[in-house]
Protein backbone atom coordinates (compact mmCIF):
# COMPACT_ATOMS: atom_id res chain seq x y z
CA MET A 1 4.76 15.32 -52.39
CA ALA A 2 7.94 16.23 -54.18
CA ALA A 3 11.19 15.14 -52.62
CA GLU A 4 12.41 18.28 -51.85
CA GLU A 5 9.18 19.37 -50.05
CA LYS A 6 9.26 19.23 -46.47
CA THR A 7 6.23 19.18 -43.74
CA GLY A 8 6.38 19.59 -40.19
CA LEU A 9 6.75 15.78 -39.58
CA THR A 10 9.55 15.56 -41.93
CA MET A 11 11.47 18.68 -40.65
CA LYS A 12 13.91 18.65 -37.76
CA PRO A 13 12.36 20.73 -34.74
CA GLU A 14 15.20 23.48 -34.97
CA GLU A 15 13.80 23.92 -38.89
CA SER A 16 10.08 24.06 -37.76
CA ARG A 17 8.10 27.07 -36.55
CA TYR A 18 6.56 25.37 -33.84
CA SER A 19 9.88 25.30 -32.03
CA PHE A 20 10.44 28.69 -31.92
CA PHE A 21 8.52 31.67 -30.42
CA GLN A 22 8.98 35.11 -29.49
CA HIS A 23 6.42 37.59 -27.06
CA LYS A 24 8.20 40.84 -27.73
CA ASP A 25 5.29 42.40 -26.04
CA CYS A 26 5.79 40.68 -22.84
CA GLU A 27 6.71 42.93 -19.83
CA PHE A 28 9.73 40.87 -19.24
CA PHE A 29 11.02 40.03 -22.82
CA PRO A 30 13.70 38.95 -22.78
CA CYS A 31 13.60 37.80 -19.06
CA HIS A 32 17.40 36.84 -19.11
CA LYS A 33 20.37 38.70 -20.08
CA THR A 34 21.01 38.01 -23.61
CA ASP A 35 23.52 39.42 -26.39
CA ARG A 36 20.91 37.95 -29.00
CA PRO A 37 17.68 38.81 -28.30
CA GLU A 38 16.59 38.13 -31.84
CA ASP A 39 17.32 34.59 -31.05
CA PHE A 40 15.45 34.51 -27.54
CA ASN A 41 12.89 31.73 -27.34
CA CYS A 42 9.75 32.49 -25.29
CA LEU A 43 8.17 28.88 -25.88
CA PHE A 44 9.50 27.36 -22.59
CA CYS A 45 8.64 30.50 -20.80
CA TYR A 46 8.37 28.26 -17.50
CA CYS A 47 11.36 25.80 -17.72
CA PRO A 48 9.75 22.38 -17.77
CA LEU A 49 13.45 21.24 -16.63
CA TYR A 50 13.26 23.16 -13.51
CA THR A 51 12.30 20.02 -11.54
CA LEU A 52 15.39 18.37 -12.72
CA GLY A 53 17.64 20.08 -10.27
CA SER A 54 21.22 20.14 -11.29
CA ALA A 55 20.54 17.77 -13.99
CA CYS A 56 18.61 19.78 -15.83
CA GLY A 57 22.01 20.44 -17.65
CA GLY A 58 21.65 24.21 -17.54
CA ASN A 59 23.69 26.92 -15.67
CA CYS A 60 21.99 27.05 -12.59
CA SER A 61 22.82 27.87 -9.07
CA TRP A 62 21.28 27.83 -5.45
CA LEU A 63 20.20 30.26 -3.15
CA PRO A 64 20.92 30.03 0.66
CA ASP A 65 17.48 28.96 1.04
CA GLY A 66 17.70 25.94 -1.14
CA THR A 67 15.92 27.61 -4.17
CA LYS A 68 17.16 26.82 -7.88
CA ASP A 69 18.44 30.06 -9.20
CA CYS A 70 17.98 29.91 -13.14
CA SER A 71 18.45 33.68 -13.85
CA ALA A 72 22.05 32.78 -15.58
CA CYS A 73 20.61 29.85 -17.82
CA LEU A 74 19.91 30.50 -21.38
CA ILE A 75 19.17 26.53 -22.19
CA PRO A 76 15.21 27.02 -22.37
CA HIS A 77 15.46 29.99 -24.34
CA GLY A 78 18.12 29.38 -27.33
CA ARG A 79 16.72 29.31 -30.79
CA LYS A 80 17.39 25.53 -31.05
CA SER A 81 16.63 24.61 -27.97
CA TYR A 82 13.76 22.59 -28.50
CA GLY A 83 15.19 19.40 -29.27
CA TYR A 84 17.32 19.73 -26.08
CA VAL A 85 14.37 20.50 -24.02
CA VAL A 86 12.40 17.48 -25.50
CA SER A 87 15.16 14.96 -25.05
CA LYS A 88 14.92 15.45 -21.34
CA PHE A 89 11.23 14.37 -21.30
CA GLY A 90 11.92 11.03 -20.29
CA GLU A 91 13.74 12.01 -17.34
CA LEU A 92 10.94 14.23 -16.23
CA ALA A 93 8.20 11.33 -16.63
CA ALA A 94 10.62 8.90 -14.59
CA LEU A 95 10.38 11.62 -11.84
CA ALA A 96 6.76 12.02 -12.28
CA LYS A 97 6.34 8.30 -11.83
CA LYS A 98 8.44 8.24 -8.61
CA ASN A 99 5.97 10.82 -7.30
CA ARG A 100 2.74 9.47 -8.05
């Protein structure tokens, strides 16, 4: 392999195709308000960080009944969100371990 060649294993996630996906035919696309629909990432359609509550790092709020409202958050939907979401998997694993 030439030094300048990059593969999925040597590229940064934000440089790789696996870290970005759009489903423009989805009835809800984009499901959150955005000024940049061309950068809207559907990979984490259902946010894996939801269960972290306020520790997710997003712009969430809470409804009167205690439900987490993520409608103002674009954290999992950014073109370069993959690295951030994956960086939180340790916290998710710790939470899952508590709930065995």
